[in-house]
């Protein structure tokens, strides 16, 4: 859990308060995102994961298309 009040966090979100490095790191850890994403919305890491998942789904489809259907 974060050791910060909801009021402080709301002010950080709206930009009326600054965020400490420690809070930024804690938020990053809690939300399972990189700090650069929190700072500037960089979703390049997520895009890479999406591309990788798409590729793997296509490969899985190729592998399973020749399997017999049971039922």
N, C-alpha and C. Protein backbone atom coordinates (compact mmCIF):
# COMPACT_ATOMS: atom_id res chain seq x y z
N UNK A 1 0.84 -1.19 0.00
CA UNK A 1 0.00 0.00 0.00
C UNK A 1 0.88 1.24 0.00
N UNK A 2 0.27 2.30 -0.48
CA UNK A 2 0.96 3.59 -0.50
C UNK A 2 0.76 4.30 0.82
N UNK A 3 1.79 4.94 1.29
CA UNK A 3 1.70 5.70 2.53
C UNK A 3 1.44 7.16 2.18
N UNK A 4 0.26 7.42 1.59
CA UNK A 4 -0.10 8.76 1.15
C UNK A 4 -1.61 8.90 1.23
N UNK A 5 -2.07 10.10 1.52
CA UNK A 5 -3.52 10.31 1.62
C UNK A 5 -4.16 10.37 0.24
N UNK A 6 -5.43 10.08 0.20
CA UNK A 6 -6.18 10.16 -1.06
C UNK A 6 -6.18 11.60 -1.57
N UNK A 7 -6.24 12.56 -0.67
CA UNK A 7 -6.23 13.97 -1.05
C UNK A 7 -4.91 14.33 -1.73
N UNK A 8 -3.79 13.89 -1.16
CA UNK A 8 -2.49 14.17 -1.76
C UNK A 8 -2.37 13.52 -3.14
N UNK A 9 -2.79 12.28 -3.23
CA UNK A 9 -2.73 11.57 -4.51
C UNK A 9 -3.59 12.25 -5.56
N UNK A 10 -4.76 12.74 -5.18
CA UNK A 10 -5.62 13.46 -6.11
C UNK A 10 -4.94 14.73 -6.61
N UNK A 11 -4.23 15.42 -5.72
CA UNK A 11 -3.52 16.64 -6.12
C UNK A 11 -2.36 16.32 -7.05
N UNK A 12 -1.70 15.20 -6.82
CA UNK A 12 -0.63 14.78 -7.73
C UNK A 12 -1.21 14.47 -9.10
N UNK A 13 -2.35 13.77 -9.13
CA UNK A 13 -2.99 13.41 -10.40
C UNK A 13 -3.41 14.63 -11.20
N UNK A 14 -3.89 15.67 -10.52
CA UNK A 14 -4.34 16.87 -11.23
C UNK A 14 -3.22 17.85 -11.52
N UNK A 15 -2.03 17.57 -10.96
CA UNK A 15 -0.89 18.44 -11.23
C UNK A 15 -0.75 19.61 -10.28
N UNK A 16 -1.57 19.67 -9.25
CA UNK A 16 -1.46 20.79 -8.31
C UNK A 16 -0.41 20.53 -7.23
N UNK A 17 0.09 19.30 -7.13
CA UNK A 17 1.19 18.95 -6.22
C UNK A 17 2.21 18.14 -6.98
N UNK A 18 3.43 18.22 -6.54
CA UNK A 18 4.49 17.41 -7.14
C UNK A 18 4.55 16.05 -6.46
N UNK A 19 5.15 15.14 -7.15
CA UNK A 19 5.27 13.77 -6.66
C UNK A 19 6.73 13.51 -6.31
N UNK A 20 6.98 12.93 -5.15
CA UNK A 20 8.36 12.58 -4.78
C UNK A 20 8.81 11.37 -5.60
N UNK A 21 10.11 11.22 -5.69
CA UNK A 21 10.68 10.06 -6.39
C UNK A 21 10.20 8.77 -5.73
N UNK A 22 10.17 8.77 -4.41
CA UNK A 22 9.74 7.58 -3.68
C UNK A 22 8.29 7.22 -4.00
N UNK A 23 7.42 8.22 -4.03
CA UNK A 23 6.02 7.97 -4.35
C UNK A 23 5.88 7.49 -5.79
N UNK A 24 6.64 8.08 -6.69
CA UNK A 24 6.61 7.66 -8.09
C UNK A 24 7.01 6.19 -8.21
N UNK A 25 8.05 5.80 -7.50
CA UNK A 25 8.50 4.41 -7.54
C UNK A 25 7.46 3.48 -6.92
N UNK A 26 6.85 3.91 -5.82
CA UNK A 26 5.82 3.09 -5.18
C UNK A 26 4.60 2.93 -6.08
N UNK A 27 4.18 4.02 -6.73
CA UNK A 27 3.05 3.96 -7.66
C UNK A 27 3.36 3.02 -8.82
N UNK A 28 4.56 3.14 -9.34
CA UNK A 28 5.00 2.30 -10.45
C UNK A 28 4.92 0.83 -10.06
N UNK A 29 5.38 0.52 -8.87
CA UNK A 29 5.36 -0.86 -8.39
C UNK A 29 3.93 -1.35 -8.17
N UNK A 30 3.10 -0.54 -7.54
CA UNK A 30 1.71 -0.94 -7.26
C UNK A 30 0.91 -1.14 -8.54
N UNK A 31 1.15 -0.30 -9.53
CA UNK A 31 0.38 -0.36 -10.77
C UNK A 31 1.03 -1.27 -11.82
N UNK A 32 2.22 -1.77 -11.51
CA UNK A 32 2.95 -2.64 -12.42
C UNK A 32 3.19 -1.99 -13.78
N UNK A 33 3.62 -0.73 -13.73
CA UNK A 33 3.98 0.00 -14.94
C UNK A 33 5.33 0.66 -14.70
N UNK A 34 5.98 1.06 -15.77
CA UNK A 34 7.26 1.75 -15.64
C UNK A 34 7.04 3.20 -15.24
N UNK A 35 8.04 3.78 -14.61
CA UNK A 35 7.92 5.17 -14.16
C UNK A 35 7.77 6.13 -15.34
N UNK A 36 8.40 5.84 -16.48
CA UNK A 36 8.26 6.73 -17.63
C UNK A 36 6.82 6.76 -18.13
N UNK A 37 6.09 5.67 -17.97
CA UNK A 37 4.68 5.66 -18.34
C UNK A 37 3.89 6.60 -17.44
N UNK A 38 4.19 6.58 -16.14
CA UNK A 38 3.50 7.48 -15.21
C UNK A 38 3.84 8.94 -15.50
N UNK A 39 5.07 9.19 -15.91
CA UNK A 39 5.51 10.57 -16.13
C UNK A 39 5.00 11.16 -17.44
N UNK A 40 5.00 10.37 -18.50
CA UNK A 40 4.63 10.95 -19.80
C UNK A 40 3.69 10.09 -20.63
N UNK A 41 3.15 9.04 -20.04
CA UNK A 41 2.18 8.23 -20.77
C UNK A 41 2.80 7.37 -21.85
N UNK A 42 4.10 7.12 -21.79
CA UNK A 42 4.77 6.30 -22.79
C UNK A 42 4.27 4.87 -22.74
N UNK A 43 3.59 4.46 -23.77
CA UNK A 43 3.03 3.11 -23.81
C UNK A 43 3.82 2.21 -24.75
N UNK A 44 5.06 2.58 -25.09
CA UNK A 44 5.83 1.77 -26.04
C UNK A 44 6.06 0.36 -25.52
N UNK A 45 6.24 0.22 -24.22
CA UNK A 45 6.42 -1.12 -23.65
C UNK A 45 5.15 -1.95 -23.84
N UNK A 46 4.00 -1.32 -23.61
CA UNK A 46 2.73 -2.02 -23.79
C UNK A 46 2.51 -2.38 -25.25
N UNK A 47 2.92 -1.49 -26.16
CA UNK A 47 2.79 -1.78 -27.59
C UNK A 47 3.63 -2.99 -27.97
N UNK A 48 4.83 -3.08 -27.42
CA UNK A 48 5.69 -4.23 -27.70
C UNK A 48 5.03 -5.52 -27.20
N UNK A 49 4.47 -5.48 -26.02
CA UNK A 49 3.79 -6.66 -25.49
C UNK A 49 2.59 -7.04 -26.34
N UNK A 50 1.83 -6.04 -26.79
CA UNK A 50 0.67 -6.31 -27.64
C UNK A 50 1.10 -6.97 -28.94
N UNK A 51 2.18 -6.46 -29.55
CA UNK A 51 2.68 -7.05 -30.79
C UNK A 51 3.14 -8.49 -30.57
N UNK A 52 3.81 -8.73 -29.46
CA UNK A 52 4.29 -10.08 -29.15
C UNK A 52 3.12 -11.04 -28.93
N UNK A 53 2.10 -10.60 -28.21
CA UNK A 53 0.93 -11.44 -27.97
C UNK A 53 0.19 -11.73 -29.28
N UNK A 54 0.09 -10.75 -30.15
CA UNK A 54 -0.55 -10.96 -31.45
C UNK A 54 0.21 -12.01 -32.25
N UNK A 55 1.52 -11.89 -32.27
CA UNK A 55 2.35 -12.87 -32.98
C UNK A 55 2.15 -14.27 -32.42
N UNK A 56 2.19 -14.38 -31.09
CA UNK A 56 2.03 -15.69 -30.46
C UNK A 56 0.64 -16.28 -30.72
N UNK A 57 -0.38 -15.45 -30.73
CA UNK A 57 -1.73 -15.93 -31.02
C UNK A 57 -1.82 -16.46 -32.45
N UNK A 58 -1.17 -15.77 -33.38
CA UNK A 58 -1.16 -16.23 -34.77
C UNK A 58 -0.42 -17.56 -34.91
N UNK A 59 0.69 -17.69 -34.21
CA UNK A 59 1.45 -18.94 -34.24
C UNK A 59 0.63 -20.08 -33.64
N UNK A 60 -0.05 -19.82 -32.55
CA UNK A 60 -0.89 -20.84 -31.92
C UNK A 60 -2.02 -21.26 -32.85
N UNK A 61 -2.59 -20.31 -33.56
CA UNK A 61 -3.66 -20.63 -34.51
C UNK A 61 -3.13 -21.54 -35.62
N UNK A 62 -1.93 -21.26 -36.12
CA UNK A 62 -1.33 -22.11 -37.16
C UNK A 62 -1.12 -23.53 -36.65
N UNK A 63 -0.65 -23.64 -35.42
CA UNK A 63 -0.37 -24.95 -34.84
C UNK A 63 -1.64 -25.75 -34.63
N UNK A 64 -2.70 -25.10 -34.20
CA UNK A 64 -3.92 -25.82 -33.82
C UNK A 64 -4.91 -26.00 -34.95
N UNK A 65 -4.71 -25.37 -36.09
CA UNK A 65 -5.73 -25.46 -37.15
C UNK A 65 -5.84 -26.86 -37.74
N UNK A 66 -4.80 -27.67 -37.66
CA UNK A 66 -4.85 -29.03 -38.20
C UNK A 66 -5.25 -30.08 -37.17
N UNK A 67 -5.48 -29.67 -35.94
CA UNK A 67 -5.88 -30.63 -34.91
C UNK A 67 -7.34 -31.02 -35.11
N UNK A 68 -7.67 -32.29 -34.84
CA UNK A 68 -9.07 -32.71 -34.97
C UNK A 68 -9.93 -32.07 -33.88
N UNK A 69 -11.17 -31.82 -34.22
CA UNK A 69 -12.12 -31.26 -33.26
C UNK A 69 -12.85 -32.41 -32.60
N UNK A 70 -12.81 -32.46 -31.29
CA UNK A 70 -13.48 -33.52 -30.53
C UNK A 70 -14.77 -32.97 -29.99
N UNK A 71 -15.76 -33.76 -29.94
CA UNK A 71 -16.99 -33.30 -29.33
C UNK A 71 -18.15 -33.88 -29.92
